[in-house]
N, C-alpha and C. Protein backbone atom coordinates (compact mmCIF):
# COMPACT_ATOMS: atom_id res chain seq x y z
N MET A 1 75.80 16.95 107.77
CA MET A 1 75.23 17.71 106.84
C MET A 1 75.72 18.03 105.53
N SER A 2 75.34 17.97 104.23
CA SER A 2 76.13 18.25 103.12
C SER A 2 75.08 19.06 102.43
N LEU A 3 75.54 20.31 102.33
CA LEU A 3 74.75 21.42 101.12
C LEU A 3 75.17 21.64 99.56
N PRO A 4 74.05 21.15 98.88
CA PRO A 4 75.13 21.68 97.41
C PRO A 4 75.54 22.87 97.54
N ILE A 5 76.66 22.81 96.53
CA ILE A 5 77.67 24.04 96.33
C ILE A 5 77.80 24.18 94.61
N PRO A 6 77.18 25.16 94.55
CA PRO A 6 76.84 25.42 92.83
C PRO A 6 78.27 25.74 92.24
N PHE A 7 78.69 25.33 91.03
CA PHE A 7 79.64 25.87 90.42
C PHE A 7 79.40 26.11 89.19
N HIS A 8 80.53 26.87 88.25
CA HIS A 8 80.00 26.82 86.85
C HIS A 8 80.50 26.11 85.85
N ILE A 9 79.83 25.67 85.01
CA ILE A 9 80.38 24.62 84.13
C ILE A 9 80.26 25.45 82.86
N PRO A 10 81.12 25.60 82.00
CA PRO A 10 80.69 26.18 80.21
C PRO A 10 79.46 25.48 79.92
N THR A 11 78.92 26.16 79.31
CA THR A 11 77.68 25.59 78.33
C THR A 11 78.02 24.55 77.43
N ASP A 12 79.27 24.57 76.74
CA ASP A 12 79.55 23.09 75.89
C ASP A 12 79.61 22.32 76.44
N VAL A 13 80.44 22.07 77.39
CA VAL A 13 81.05 21.25 78.25
C VAL A 13 79.59 20.60 79.13
N LEU A 14 78.96 21.33 79.84
CA LEU A 14 77.51 20.76 80.38
C LEU A 14 76.41 19.96 79.55
N HIS A 15 76.18 20.38 77.81
CA HIS A 15 75.81 19.84 77.01
C HIS A 15 76.53 18.52 76.50
N ARG A 16 77.53 18.33 76.37
CA ARG A 16 78.53 17.37 76.09
C ARG A 16 77.69 16.31 77.36
N LEU A 17 78.30 16.87 78.37
CA LEU A 17 77.74 15.74 79.70
C LEU A 17 76.35 15.22 79.38
N ILE A 18 75.64 16.08 79.53
CA ILE A 18 74.06 15.73 79.53
C ILE A 18 73.88 14.74 78.09
N ASP A 19 74.38 15.00 77.14
CA ASP A 19 74.33 14.17 75.75
C ASP A 19 74.82 12.90 76.24
N ARG A 20 75.88 12.47 77.01
CA ARG A 20 76.66 11.29 77.22
C ARG A 20 75.58 10.84 78.36
N THR A 21 74.85 11.05 78.77
CA THR A 21 73.99 10.52 80.41
C THR A 21 72.35 10.66 79.46
N ASP A 22 72.46 10.81 78.40
CA ASP A 22 71.15 10.65 77.69
C ASP A 22 69.85 11.48 78.45
N GLU A 23 70.42 11.92 79.78
CA GLU A 23 69.01 12.59 80.62
C GLU A 23 68.39 13.97 80.20
N GLY A 24 69.05 14.83 79.34
CA GLY A 24 67.97 16.05 78.81
C GLY A 24 68.26 17.10 79.33
N TRP A 25 68.72 17.27 80.62
CA TRP A 25 69.18 18.09 81.51
C TRP A 25 69.99 17.78 82.61
N PHE A 26 70.68 18.55 83.71
CA PHE A 26 71.43 18.36 84.48
C PHE A 26 70.59 17.70 85.66
N GLY A 27 70.42 16.45 85.68
CA GLY A 27 69.74 15.81 86.55
C GLY A 27 70.92 14.93 87.71
N PRO A 28 70.28 14.04 88.29
CA PRO A 28 70.96 12.87 89.11
C PRO A 28 72.08 12.10 88.47
N LYS A 29 71.63 11.59 86.99
CA LYS A 29 72.68 11.35 86.43
C LYS A 29 73.93 11.97 86.01
N THR A 30 73.45 12.72 85.38
CA THR A 30 74.80 14.05 85.08
C THR A 30 75.57 14.27 86.21
N GLU A 31 75.00 14.58 87.33
CA GLU A 31 75.72 15.05 88.61
C GLU A 31 76.59 13.49 89.16
N ALA A 32 75.77 12.65 88.95
CA ALA A 32 76.66 11.30 89.24
C ALA A 32 78.00 11.33 88.41
N LEU A 33 78.09 11.27 87.14
CA LEU A 33 79.11 11.25 85.78
C LEU A 33 79.96 12.79 86.57
N VAL A 34 79.51 13.49 86.76
CA VAL A 34 80.78 14.56 86.85
C VAL A 34 81.35 14.52 88.21
N CYS A 35 80.36 14.02 89.64
CA CYS A 35 81.31 13.35 90.71
C CYS A 35 82.25 12.12 90.76
N ARG A 36 81.74 11.47 89.54
CA ARG A 36 82.61 10.00 89.21
C ARG A 36 83.90 10.38 88.60
N LEU A 37 83.87 11.48 87.43
CA LEU A 37 85.18 11.91 86.85
C LEU A 37 85.80 12.99 87.76
N ILE A 38 85.61 13.72 88.48
CA ILE A 38 86.36 14.31 89.48
C ILE A 38 87.14 13.28 90.32
N ARG A 39 86.35 12.46 90.86
CA ARG A 39 86.84 11.50 92.26
C ARG A 39 88.33 10.68 91.26
N GLU A 40 87.98 10.59 90.12
CA GLU A 40 88.86 9.24 89.13
C GLU A 40 90.27 10.34 88.56
N TRP A 41 89.72 11.52 88.39
CA TRP A 41 90.92 12.34 88.17
C TRP A 41 91.47 12.80 89.62
N MET A 42 90.93 12.72 90.58
CA MET A 42 91.71 12.78 92.01
C MET A 42 92.77 11.45 92.23
N ALA A 43 91.71 10.84 92.07
CA ALA A 43 92.73 9.36 92.55
C ALA A 43 93.66 8.97 91.42
N ALA A 44 93.68 9.36 90.26
CA ALA A 44 94.93 9.37 89.52
C ALA A 44 96.14 10.25 89.46
N GLY A 45 96.08 10.79 91.05
CA GLY A 45 96.98 11.49 90.78
C GLY A 45 97.23 12.95 90.72
N ALA A 46 95.87 13.53 90.40
CA ALA A 46 96.00 14.83 89.56
C ALA A 46 97.00 15.85 90.24
N PRO A 47 97.51 16.65 89.57
CA PRO A 47 98.55 17.42 90.22
C PRO A 47 97.76 18.45 90.67
N ALA A 48 98.69 19.27 92.01
CA ALA A 48 97.73 20.34 92.58
C ALA A 48 97.17 21.04 91.93
N ALA A 49 96.44 21.70 92.43
CA ALA A 49 95.12 22.82 91.54
C ALA A 49 96.23 24.32 91.26
N SER A 50 97.42 24.62 92.06
CA SER A 50 98.13 25.73 92.02
C SER A 50 98.65 25.51 90.68
N ALA A 51 99.24 24.22 90.73
CA ALA A 51 100.47 23.85 89.55
C ALA A 51 99.23 23.79 88.09
N THR A 52 98.38 23.12 87.95
CA THR A 52 97.24 23.24 86.80
C THR A 52 97.33 24.34 86.18
N LEU A 53 96.47 25.51 87.30
CA LEU A 53 96.36 26.78 86.96
C LEU A 53 97.48 27.74 86.82
N GLU A 54 98.91 27.65 87.26
CA GLU A 54 99.78 28.19 86.67
C GLU A 54 99.91 27.78 85.34
N ARG A 55 100.27 26.52 84.97
CA ARG A 55 100.25 25.92 83.54
C ARG A 55 99.19 26.46 82.52
N ASP A 56 98.39 26.32 83.18
CA ASP A 56 96.86 26.56 82.31
C ASP A 56 96.44 28.17 81.88
N THR A 57 97.34 29.00 82.83
CA THR A 57 97.08 30.24 82.20
C THR A 57 98.04 31.06 81.38
N THR A 58 98.92 30.44 80.76
CA THR A 58 99.73 30.80 80.05
C THR A 58 98.91 31.09 78.62
N PRO A 59 99.18 32.18 77.77
CA PRO A 59 98.33 32.61 76.75
C PRO A 59 98.24 31.44 75.46
N LYS A 60 99.50 30.93 75.30
CA LYS A 60 99.25 29.64 74.34
C LYS A 60 98.14 28.68 74.89
N ALA A 61 97.72 28.50 76.13
CA ALA A 61 97.20 27.27 76.59
C ALA A 61 95.65 27.62 76.62
N LEU A 62 95.21 28.53 76.55
CA LEU A 62 93.73 29.37 76.84
C LEU A 62 93.48 29.68 75.62
N PRO A 63 92.11 28.75 75.01
CA PRO A 63 91.69 29.10 73.70
C PRO A 63 91.12 30.22 74.04
N ASP A 64 90.74 31.14 72.72
CA ASP A 64 89.71 32.13 72.76
C ASP A 64 87.99 31.84 72.59
N ALA A 65 87.58 31.68 73.75
CA ALA A 65 86.29 31.04 73.80
C ALA A 65 85.49 32.43 73.37
N SER A 66 85.79 33.20 73.11
CA SER A 66 84.90 34.57 73.02
C SER A 66 84.53 34.83 71.42
N LYS A 67 85.60 33.94 71.17
CA LYS A 67 85.04 34.09 69.17
C LYS A 67 84.28 32.75 68.88
N GLY A 68 83.34 33.35 67.98
CA GLY A 68 82.28 32.53 67.51
C GLY A 68 81.02 33.20 66.98
N TYR A 69 80.21 32.81 66.77
CA TYR A 69 78.97 33.51 65.88
C TYR A 69 77.58 33.20 67.03
N GLN A 70 76.99 34.73 66.95
CA GLN A 70 76.21 34.93 68.15
C GLN A 70 74.64 34.62 66.80
N TRP A 71 73.81 33.59 67.53
CA TRP A 71 72.99 33.69 66.63
C TRP A 71 71.47 33.65 67.64
N LYS A 72 70.82 34.85 67.65
CA LYS A 72 69.98 35.28 68.35
C LYS A 72 70.22 34.68 69.67
N GLN A 73 69.52 33.97 70.50
CA GLN A 73 69.91 33.61 72.06
C GLN A 73 70.82 32.30 71.91
N LEU A 74 71.25 31.84 71.07
CA LEU A 74 72.38 30.50 70.90
C LEU A 74 73.74 31.15 70.14
N PHE A 75 74.64 30.86 71.10
CA PHE A 75 76.01 31.13 70.69
C PHE A 75 76.85 29.88 70.20
N LEU A 76 77.00 30.23 68.75
CA LEU A 76 78.42 28.81 68.36
C LEU A 76 79.50 29.38 68.49
N PRO A 77 80.29 28.52 69.33
CA PRO A 77 81.46 28.39 69.26
C PRO A 77 82.47 28.47 68.17
N ASN A 78 83.62 28.77 68.03
CA ASN A 78 84.31 28.96 66.90
C ASN A 78 84.48 27.37 66.49
N GLY A 79 84.47 26.71 64.94
CA GLY A 79 84.48 25.52 65.32
C GLY A 79 83.35 24.70 64.88
N THR A 80 82.29 25.30 65.14
CA THR A 80 80.78 24.59 65.15
C THR A 80 80.46 24.22 63.48
N GLU A 81 80.10 22.99 63.23
CA GLU A 81 79.80 22.89 61.97
C GLU A 81 78.06 23.03 62.10
N LEU A 82 77.86 23.45 60.65
CA LEU A 82 76.02 23.58 60.47
C LEU A 82 76.13 22.70 59.16
N ARG A 83 74.81 22.34 59.22
CA ARG A 83 74.09 21.36 58.27
C ARG A 83 73.01 21.34 57.60
N ALA A 84 72.25 21.88 56.66
CA ALA A 84 71.13 21.87 56.11
C ALA A 84 71.04 20.95 54.83
N SER A 85 70.01 20.02 54.72
CA SER A 85 69.83 19.06 53.92
C SER A 85 68.20 19.40 53.07
N PHE A 86 68.26 19.58 51.52
CA PHE A 86 67.17 19.73 51.19
C PHE A 86 67.19 18.73 50.01
N GLY A 87 66.09 18.03 49.42
CA GLY A 87 66.15 17.39 48.11
C GLY A 87 67.30 16.36 48.07
N GLY A 88 67.42 15.77 49.06
CA GLY A 88 68.92 14.72 49.24
C GLY A 88 69.89 15.39 49.14
N LYS A 89 70.37 17.03 49.21
CA LYS A 89 71.45 17.66 49.11
C LYS A 89 71.80 18.25 50.36
N SER A 90 73.09 17.85 50.86
CA SER A 90 73.00 18.59 52.09
C SER A 90 74.17 19.86 51.77
N SER A 91 74.13 20.80 52.61
CA SER A 91 74.95 21.94 52.46
C SER A 91 75.54 22.18 53.85
N TYR A 92 76.84 22.52 53.70
CA TYR A 92 77.69 22.28 54.83
C TYR A 92 78.55 23.70 55.22
N ALA A 93 78.65 24.23 56.42
CA ALA A 93 79.19 25.27 57.07
C ALA A 93 80.00 24.96 58.20
N LYS A 94 80.61 25.94 58.42
CA LYS A 94 81.38 26.08 59.60
C LYS A 94 81.71 27.19 60.26
N VAL A 95 81.84 27.86 61.60
CA VAL A 95 81.90 28.84 62.15
C VAL A 95 83.77 28.98 62.45
N GLU A 96 83.96 30.58 61.72
CA GLU A 96 85.33 30.48 61.52
C GLU A 96 85.49 31.47 62.16
N GLY A 97 86.18 31.78 63.34
CA GLY A 97 86.31 33.24 63.97
C GLY A 97 84.82 33.88 64.19
N GLU A 98 84.36 34.83 63.87
CA GLU A 98 83.00 35.32 64.10
C GLU A 98 82.06 35.20 63.01
N VAL A 99 82.40 34.56 61.96
CA VAL A 99 81.40 34.51 60.66
C VAL A 99 81.11 32.61 60.83
N ILE A 100 80.15 32.68 59.70
CA ILE A 100 79.87 31.26 59.22
C ILE A 100 80.30 31.20 57.93
N LEU A 101 81.31 30.28 57.35
CA LEU A 101 81.43 30.11 56.15
C LEU A 101 80.85 28.98 55.46
N CYS A 102 80.53 28.96 54.20
CA CYS A 102 79.92 28.14 53.57
C CYS A 102 80.81 28.17 52.19
N ASP A 103 81.81 26.93 51.97
CA ASP A 103 82.44 27.21 50.58
C ASP A 103 83.16 28.37 50.24
N GLY A 104 83.56 28.92 51.62
CA GLY A 104 84.43 30.20 51.52
C GLY A 104 83.99 30.94 51.63
N ALA A 105 82.43 31.28 51.75
CA ALA A 105 81.71 32.47 51.32
C ALA A 105 80.55 32.71 53.16
N PRO A 106 80.94 33.91 53.36
CA PRO A 106 79.98 34.07 54.74
C PRO A 106 78.57 33.69 54.34
N THR A 107 77.88 33.44 55.13
CA THR A 107 76.66 32.81 55.29
C THR A 107 76.04 33.30 56.81
N THR A 108 74.48 32.98 56.79
CA THR A 108 73.80 33.06 57.82
C THR A 108 73.30 31.32 58.14
N PRO A 109 72.60 30.91 59.26
CA PRO A 109 71.96 30.22 59.44
C PRO A 109 70.55 29.91 58.21
N SER A 110 69.89 31.24 58.23
CA SER A 110 69.00 31.15 57.48
C SER A 110 69.12 31.05 55.87
N ARG A 111 70.44 31.44 55.60
CA ARG A 111 70.91 31.34 53.72
C ARG A 111 71.26 29.89 54.13
N LEU A 112 71.78 29.01 54.87
CA LEU A 112 72.07 28.01 54.55
C LEU A 112 70.77 27.19 54.50
N ALA A 113 69.92 27.29 55.50
CA ALA A 113 68.67 26.37 55.59
C ALA A 113 67.98 26.61 54.02
N ASN A 114 67.93 27.64 53.38
CA ASN A 114 67.10 28.13 52.37
C ASN A 114 68.11 27.94 50.80
N ALA A 115 69.29 27.43 51.13
CA ALA A 115 70.32 27.63 49.83
C ALA A 115 69.94 26.77 48.84
N SER A 116 69.11 26.05 49.13
CA SER A 116 68.71 25.10 47.61
C SER A 116 67.67 25.67 47.00
N GLY A 117 67.30 26.92 47.31
CA GLY A 117 65.97 27.52 46.59
C GLY A 117 65.01 27.62 47.30
N CYS A 118 64.62 26.87 48.24
CA CYS A 118 63.29 26.85 48.80
C CYS A 118 62.71 28.32 49.31
N GLY A 119 63.53 28.83 50.15
CA GLY A 119 63.15 30.17 50.66
C GLY A 119 62.09 30.37 51.67
N THR A 120 61.71 29.42 52.07
CA THR A 120 60.82 29.38 52.99
C THR A 120 60.99 28.74 54.54
N ARG A 121 62.13 27.85 54.49
CA ARG A 121 62.39 26.84 55.51
C ARG A 121 62.88 27.94 57.17
N ASN A 122 62.59 27.24 57.89
CA ASN A 122 62.87 28.06 59.11
C ASN A 122 64.47 27.51 59.85
N ALA A 123 65.26 28.43 59.76
CA ALA A 123 66.49 27.52 59.82
C ALA A 123 66.81 27.02 61.39
N TRP A 124 65.66 27.16 62.43
CA TRP A 124 65.68 26.55 63.84
C TRP A 124 65.38 25.00 63.64
N ARG A 125 64.63 24.99 62.60
CA ARG A 125 64.06 23.52 62.04
C ARG A 125 64.81 22.65 61.23
N ALA A 126 65.48 23.74 60.32
CA ALA A 126 66.19 22.88 59.45
C ALA A 126 67.58 22.97 59.41
N VAL A 127 68.44 23.34 60.08
CA VAL A 127 69.80 23.57 60.23
C VAL A 127 70.05 22.59 61.50
N TRP A 128 71.19 21.68 61.42
CA TRP A 128 71.73 20.74 62.20
C TRP A 128 73.16 21.35 62.80
N LEU A 129 73.56 21.17 63.93
CA LEU A 129 74.89 21.70 64.61
C LEU A 129 75.43 20.50 65.15
N ARG A 130 76.83 20.45 64.89
CA ARG A 130 77.69 19.71 65.18
C ARG A 130 79.01 20.70 66.31
N PHE A 131 78.51 20.76 67.53
CA PHE A 131 79.74 21.99 68.43
C PHE A 131 80.84 20.76 68.48
N PRO A 132 82.21 21.43 68.34
CA PRO A 132 83.48 21.41 68.66
C PRO A 132 83.44 20.07 69.91
N GLY A 133 84.31 18.91 69.19
CA GLY A 133 84.22 17.83 70.46
C GLY A 133 83.15 17.04 70.23
N ASP A 134 81.94 17.27 69.71
CA ASP A 134 80.77 15.90 69.69
C ASP A 134 81.17 15.46 68.33
N ARG A 135 80.34 14.36 68.74
CA ARG A 135 80.26 13.31 67.52
C ARG A 135 78.80 13.89 66.93
N ALA A 136 77.95 14.00 68.03
CA ALA A 136 76.64 13.81 67.53
C ALA A 136 76.11 15.48 66.78
N TRP A 137 75.35 15.40 65.79
CA TRP A 137 74.56 16.25 65.12
C TRP A 137 73.24 16.72 65.97
N LYS A 138 72.85 17.91 66.30
CA LYS A 138 71.58 18.13 66.96
C LYS A 138 70.97 19.30 66.13
N LEU A 139 69.67 19.41 66.37
CA LEU A 139 68.52 19.99 65.55
C LEU A 139 68.77 21.39 66.11
N ALA A 140 68.86 22.46 65.64
CA ALA A 140 69.18 24.13 66.15
C ALA A 140 68.08 24.18 66.90
N ALA A 141 66.99 23.57 66.84
CA ALA A 141 65.90 24.01 67.82
C ALA A 141 65.99 23.56 68.98
N ALA A 142 66.78 22.34 69.11
CA ALA A 142 66.91 21.78 70.59
C ALA A 142 67.96 22.29 71.28
N CYS A 143 68.95 23.12 70.54
CA CYS A 143 70.12 24.00 71.24
C CYS A 143 69.82 25.18 71.68
N ARG A 144 68.71 25.47 71.06
CA ARG A 144 68.47 26.97 71.60
C ARG A 144 67.88 27.04 72.85
N ALA A 145 68.41 27.85 73.54
CA ALA A 145 67.58 28.38 74.95
C ALA A 145 66.21 29.04 75.00
N ASP A 146 65.31 28.35 75.49
CA ASP A 146 64.20 29.05 75.68
C ASP A 146 64.04 30.54 76.43
N GLU A 147 63.81 31.26 76.01
CA GLU A 147 63.49 32.54 77.02
C GLU A 147 62.26 32.90 77.96
């Protein structure tokens, strides 16, 4: 008998996996993909876990995952790109460290959404996000964790 064993997958990695399966949640397709990737990694002669951990724990090898911008319940990791369009013109920004910068100046998602003078747009519905390592843009509302 096989029992499921839970393990932690960082949120950004999980979202990218789910995007690849077009499943919308961690279900059978995503689970199958994770298992296939792990099996392929092991079959390719992956180094022993102890050797990998020793190499990966050096300060240079570990990115500072704590850096980023906290937008209510959504964390935007360092490097996340933001885009808002109004009247055929797009404004772009990027999370750098713990701030969002647009044309070198600090901004917020709300200010970016309303940068074209509209002033009444809901940033969750007007801002698109591209997380580090992703190719696709996602509407911020779709990334927001419902409480």
